[in-house]
Amino acid sequence: MALPARSTSSLIASLLLALSLPLAAEQTSEEAIAEYHAMFGDENPAELWQLRGEELWKTPRGPREVSLEACDLGKGPGVITGAYAELPRWFEDTGKVQDLESRLVTCMTTLQGLPESEVFAIKFGDGERKSDLEALTAYVVAASRGSRISIPLDHPAEKAAYALGESVFFYRAGPHDFACATCHSESGKRIRLQTLPQLTTKEGAQAAYTRWPAYRVSQGELRTMEWRLQDCFRQQRLPQLKYGSDVAIGLTLYLARKAEGGEMVAPSIKR
């Protein structure tokens, strides 16, 4: 007896799915992203975050009803072109080495008068709630596309931050005795289907660092470097990395300096 048309199509779909599973299991995340690009071309959902970030940058907000257009990211008030490629760096007004995200927090609290608790309330989006910091980061980072990474190490505090980042990168801790270097100091390593970048070489660091922040297809969110680092800490089973901490900024500076000379292409797309 012939199967109904609907049953036949369902059976064919099931067979195709079953046949595709072994292929999907062998497919690397890079191949999956390549397929995504093939389907959508140059379209990157990160642009939605960039547009919202631009609006947040230019719109007067907070108790003082001012925009962020006077925010100095290291190249003068309001200048965002190429700024991310030169961060983290020392800032005289705060007496600190800051990355982009911690600098944005400074501008939001000092220029706009927003309370720090409000700024930190949603550091990372969760699908329903969107993070202003992620959107602002996407907007500023996009303005550095094509810029070469050039991290200053002139100030003693910048050198100290680099040294801290380097020591943390190689520091083994946690229940698994892991360090950042455990996963990222050799070529050809993977976690499940995820290829792990070799961050101790210039080429490996450039290939990885220049592509963050990135839109995560698996999460439907744009993720920043601070998110990437705290998620690595989570996977190492270490205590949660404090947002904007000396450790987070030191690690970022260390990785950025390793990627010196690389051309920024972020925000990119990741699995």
Protein backbone atom coordinates (compact mmCIF):
# COMPACT_ATOMS: atom_id res chain seq x y z
CA MET A 1 0.00 0.00 0.00
CA ALA A 2 1.39 3.41 -0.93
CA LEU A 3 2.19 5.80 1.87
CA PRO A 4 0.30 9.10 2.01
CA ALA A 5 2.22 12.00 0.49
CA ARG A 6 2.74 13.62 3.89
CA SER A 7 4.12 10.39 5.37
CA THR A 8 6.44 9.93 2.40
CA SER A 9 7.87 13.43 2.70
CA SER A 10 8.33 13.01 6.44
CA LEU A 11 10.17 9.73 5.88
CA ILE A 12 12.46 11.30 3.29
CA ALA A 13 13.20 14.19 5.64
CA SER A 14 14.02 11.76 8.45
CA LEU A 15 16.34 9.75 6.21
CA LEU A 16 18.13 12.89 5.04
CA LEU A 17 18.56 14.01 8.64
CA ALA A 18 19.95 10.62 9.66
CA LEU A 19 22.40 10.65 6.76
CA SER A 20 23.53 14.17 7.62
CA LEU A 21 24.28 13.48 11.30
CA PRO A 22 27.68 11.80 10.74
CA LEU A 23 28.67 14.67 8.46
CA ALA A 24 27.51 17.24 10.99
CA ALA A 25 29.45 15.50 13.74
CA GLU A 26 32.65 15.81 11.70
CA GLN A 27 32.01 19.37 10.62
CA THR A 28 34.19 21.96 12.34
CA SER A 29 32.77 25.23 13.58
CA GLU A 30 34.82 27.03 10.92
CA GLU A 31 33.08 25.04 8.18
CA ALA A 32 29.70 25.81 9.72
CA ILE A 33 30.45 29.52 9.75
CA ALA A 34 31.69 29.29 6.15
CA GLU A 35 28.31 27.80 5.20
CA TYR A 36 26.59 30.65 7.06
CA HIS A 37 28.58 33.18 5.01
CA ALA A 38 27.76 31.31 1.82
CA MET A 39 24.05 31.57 2.59
CA PHE A 40 23.96 35.17 3.78
CA GLY A 41 26.97 36.74 2.05
CA ASP A 42 28.27 39.81 3.85
CA GLU A 43 25.24 40.03 6.14
CA ASN A 44 26.25 40.03 9.80
CA PRO A 45 23.65 40.34 12.57
CA ALA A 46 26.28 42.30 14.53
CA GLU A 47 25.17 45.29 12.47
CA LEU A 48 21.98 45.42 14.55
CA TRP A 49 24.12 45.87 17.67
CA GLN A 50 26.20 48.51 15.89
CA LEU A 51 23.11 50.51 14.96
CA ARG A 52 21.79 50.40 18.52
CA GLY A 53 25.23 51.29 19.82
CA GLU A 54 25.41 54.31 17.54
CA GLU A 55 22.06 55.49 18.85
CA LEU A 56 23.20 55.01 22.44
CA TRP A 57 26.44 56.90 21.68
CA LYS A 58 24.68 59.91 20.15
CA THR A 59 21.53 60.14 22.30
CA PRO A 60 21.54 62.35 25.44
CA ARG A 61 20.95 60.06 28.41
CA GLY A 62 21.32 59.83 32.14
CA PRO A 63 20.70 62.44 34.87
CA ARG A 64 22.87 64.95 32.99
CA GLU A 65 21.09 64.42 29.66
CA VAL A 66 24.26 64.33 27.55
CA SER A 67 25.48 61.97 24.86
CA LEU A 68 28.74 60.03 24.82
CA GLU A 69 30.12 62.11 21.96
CA ALA A 70 32.58 63.78 24.33
CA CYS A 71 33.90 60.40 25.56
CA ASP A 72 37.66 60.16 25.12
CA LEU A 73 38.74 56.63 24.17
CA GLY A 74 42.37 57.63 23.83
CA LYS A 75 42.38 59.58 20.58
CA GLY A 76 40.51 62.66 21.74
CA PRO A 77 36.91 63.41 22.76
CA GLY A 78 34.42 61.73 20.45
CA VAL A 79 37.02 60.09 18.20
CA ILE A 80 36.22 56.41 17.69
CA THR A 81 37.96 55.67 14.38
CA GLY A 82 40.88 53.38 15.16
CA ALA A 83 40.42 53.75 18.93
CA TYR A 84 39.80 50.08 19.68
CA ALA A 85 42.97 49.05 17.87
CA GLU A 86 44.96 51.02 20.48
CA LEU A 87 43.23 49.68 23.60
CA PRO A 88 43.82 48.84 26.44
CA ARG A 89 45.95 51.84 27.38
CA TRP A 90 46.74 54.21 30.25
CA PHE A 91 44.29 57.07 30.92
CA GLU A 92 45.50 60.03 32.89
CA ASP A 93 42.07 61.11 34.13
CA THR A 94 41.34 57.80 35.85
CA GLY A 95 44.92 56.86 36.67
CA LYS A 96 44.26 53.39 35.25
CA VAL A 97 44.93 51.16 32.29
CA GLN A 98 41.51 50.59 30.73
CA ASP A 99 40.05 48.46 27.97
CA LEU A 100 37.16 49.68 25.83
CA GLU A 101 34.43 48.37 28.08
CA SER A 102 35.81 49.79 31.32
CA ARG A 103 36.42 53.09 29.54
CA LEU A 104 32.81 53.16 28.35
CA VAL A 105 31.71 52.63 31.94
CA THR A 106 33.84 55.61 32.98
CA CYS A 107 32.23 57.83 30.34
CA MET A 108 28.70 56.68 31.16
CA THR A 109 29.16 57.37 34.87
CA THR A 110 31.18 60.62 34.67
CA LEU A 111 29.70 62.29 31.58
CA GLN A 112 26.12 61.07 31.73
CA GLY A 113 25.89 60.63 35.48
CA LEU A 114 24.52 57.09 35.25
CA PRO A 115 25.00 55.11 38.47
CA GLU A 116 27.50 52.28 38.11
CA SER A 117 24.93 49.80 39.40
CA GLU A 118 22.67 50.67 36.46
CA VAL A 119 25.50 50.43 33.93
CA PHE A 120 26.51 47.00 35.27
CA ALA A 121 22.94 45.71 35.62
CA ILE A 122 23.05 43.99 32.23
CA LYS A 123 26.65 43.48 31.16
CA PHE A 124 25.82 40.71 28.72
CA GLY A 125 22.57 40.21 26.83
CA ASP A 126 20.53 37.07 27.41
CA GLY A 127 18.23 37.08 24.38
CA GLU A 128 15.37 38.97 26.02
CA ARG A 129 17.36 41.69 27.78
CA LYS A 130 19.86 43.61 25.67
CA SER A 131 23.13 44.99 27.01
CA ASP A 132 23.97 48.63 26.28
CA LEU A 133 27.64 47.85 26.84
CA GLU A 134 27.66 45.17 24.15
CA ALA A 135 25.90 47.48 21.70
CA LEU A 136 28.25 50.39 22.39
CA THR A 137 31.24 48.07 22.09
CA ALA A 138 30.02 46.83 18.70
CA TYR A 139 29.64 50.40 17.43
CA VAL A 140 33.07 51.54 18.57
CA VAL A 141 34.88 48.38 17.46
CA ALA A 142 33.35 48.58 13.97
CA ALA A 143 35.00 51.99 13.58
CA SER A 144 38.40 50.26 13.84
CA ARG A 145 37.87 47.86 10.94
CA GLY A 146 40.96 48.02 8.75
CA SER A 147 43.06 49.60 11.52
CA ARG A 148 46.25 47.88 12.63
CA ILE A 149 46.55 46.90 16.28
CA SER A 150 49.05 49.17 18.00
CA ILE A 151 49.16 48.79 21.76
CA PRO A 152 51.25 51.30 23.72
CA LEU A 153 53.57 49.97 26.40
CA ASP A 154 55.18 53.26 27.35
CA HIS A 155 53.65 53.92 30.76
CA PRO A 156 54.86 51.81 33.72
CA ALA A 157 51.24 50.86 34.43
CA GLU A 158 50.84 49.50 30.88
CA LYS A 159 53.96 47.40 31.31
CA ALA A 160 52.66 46.14 34.66
CA ALA A 161 49.28 45.27 33.13
CA TYR A 162 51.02 43.33 30.36
CA ALA A 163 53.12 41.41 32.90
CA LEU A 164 49.98 40.60 34.92
CA GLY A 165 48.16 39.39 31.81
CA GLU A 166 51.09 37.21 30.79
CA SER A 167 51.35 35.64 34.25
CA VAL A 168 47.60 34.93 34.35
CA PHE A 169 47.73 33.39 30.87
CA PHE A 170 50.22 30.78 32.05
CA TYR A 171 48.92 30.39 35.63
CA ARG A 172 47.52 26.93 36.35
CA ALA A 173 44.67 26.71 38.84
CA GLY A 174 41.23 25.30 39.51
CA PRO A 175 40.06 21.69 39.95
CA HIS A 176 41.46 20.72 36.53
CA ASP A 177 44.79 22.55 36.96
CA PHE A 178 44.12 24.50 33.75
CA ALA A 179 45.69 27.70 32.47
CA CYS A 180 44.76 29.74 29.42
CA ALA A 181 47.93 28.27 27.93
CA THR A 182 46.62 24.74 28.44
CA CYS A 183 44.27 25.24 25.50
CA HIS A 184 45.93 28.09 23.63
CA SER A 185 49.69 27.45 23.49
CA GLU A 186 49.75 24.65 20.91
CA SER A 187 48.41 24.30 17.37
CA GLY A 188 45.78 21.76 16.33
CA LYS A 189 43.91 21.55 19.64
CA ARG A 190 40.13 21.37 19.89
CA ILE A 191 37.35 21.29 22.44
CA ARG A 192 34.63 19.15 20.89
CA LEU A 193 34.33 20.64 17.38
CA GLN A 194 35.81 24.00 18.32
CA THR A 195 39.30 24.66 16.99
CA LEU A 196 41.39 26.45 19.60
CA PRO A 197 43.58 29.34 18.44
CA GLN A 198 47.29 29.28 19.22
CA LEU A 199 47.66 32.58 21.09
CA THR A 200 51.36 32.50 21.90
CA THR A 201 52.37 33.14 18.28
CA LYS A 202 51.92 36.42 16.48
CA GLU A 203 49.99 34.81 13.63
CA GLY A 204 47.66 32.91 15.93
CA ALA A 205 47.01 35.87 18.19
CA GLN A 206 46.30 38.14 15.22
CA ALA A 207 43.87 35.66 13.67
CA ALA A 208 41.94 35.35 16.95
CA TYR A 209 42.07 38.79 18.56
CA THR A 210 41.19 40.78 15.45
CA ARG A 211 37.85 38.93 15.20
CA TRP A 212 36.52 39.81 18.63
CA PRO A 213 33.94 41.08 19.52
CA ALA A 214 31.80 38.69 17.50
CA TYR A 215 28.21 37.69 16.88
CA ARG A 216 27.67 34.19 18.29
CA VAL A 217 25.32 32.29 15.99
CA SER A 218 24.69 29.64 18.66
CA GLN A 219 23.57 32.28 21.17
CA GLY A 220 22.00 34.90 18.95
CA GLU A 221 24.01 37.59 20.75
CA LEU A 222 27.02 39.77 20.15
CA ARG A 223 29.78 38.98 22.62
CA THR A 224 32.67 41.18 23.71
CA MET A 225 36.23 40.38 24.77
CA GLU A 226 35.24 40.68 28.45
CA TRP A 227 32.57 38.04 27.85
CA ARG A 228 35.04 35.81 26.03
CA LEU A 229 37.52 35.94 28.91
CA GLN A 230 34.93 35.33 31.63
CA ASP A 231 33.58 32.36 29.68
CA CYS A 232 37.10 30.89 29.48
CA PHE A 233 37.37 31.28 33.26
CA ARG A 234 34.03 29.49 33.61
CA GLN A 235 35.23 26.58 31.49
CA GLN A 236 38.41 26.36 33.59
CA ARG A 237 36.16 26.18 36.69
CA LEU A 238 37.84 29.27 38.11
CA PRO A 239 36.08 31.96 40.17
CA GLN A 240 34.04 34.32 38.03
CA LEU A 241 36.17 36.96 36.37
CA LYS A 242 35.18 40.40 37.62
CA TYR A 243 34.07 42.74 34.85
CA GLY A 244 36.62 45.50 34.26
CA SER A 245 39.06 44.02 36.78
CA ASP A 246 42.84 44.36 36.57
CA VAL A 247 43.02 40.69 35.58
CA ALA A 248 40.52 41.11 32.73
CA ILE A 249 42.27 44.22 31.42
CA GLY A 250 45.73 42.70 31.84
CA LEU A 251 44.76 39.59 29.90
CA THR A 252 43.21 41.71 27.16
CA LEU A 253 46.31 43.88 26.91
CA TYR A 254 48.56 40.82 26.78
CA LEU A 255 46.54 39.25 23.94
CA ALA A 256 46.25 42.55 22.07
CA ARG A 257 49.99 43.11 22.29
CA LYS A 258 50.62 39.56 21.01
CA ALA A 259 48.41 40.46 18.05
CA GLU A 260 50.35 43.68 17.36
CA GLY A 261 50.12 44.71 13.71
CA GLY A 262 47.05 42.60 12.97
CA GLU A 263 44.26 44.18 10.96
CA MET A 264 40.95 44.52 12.80
CA VAL A 265 38.00 42.80 11.12
CA ALA A 266 35.61 42.67 14.08
CA PRO A 267 32.78 42.45 14.82
CA SER A 268 32.91 39.06 13.11
CA ILE A 269 30.75 35.92 13.24
CA LYS A 270 31.50 32.96 15.47
CA ARG A 271 29.75 29.63 15.97
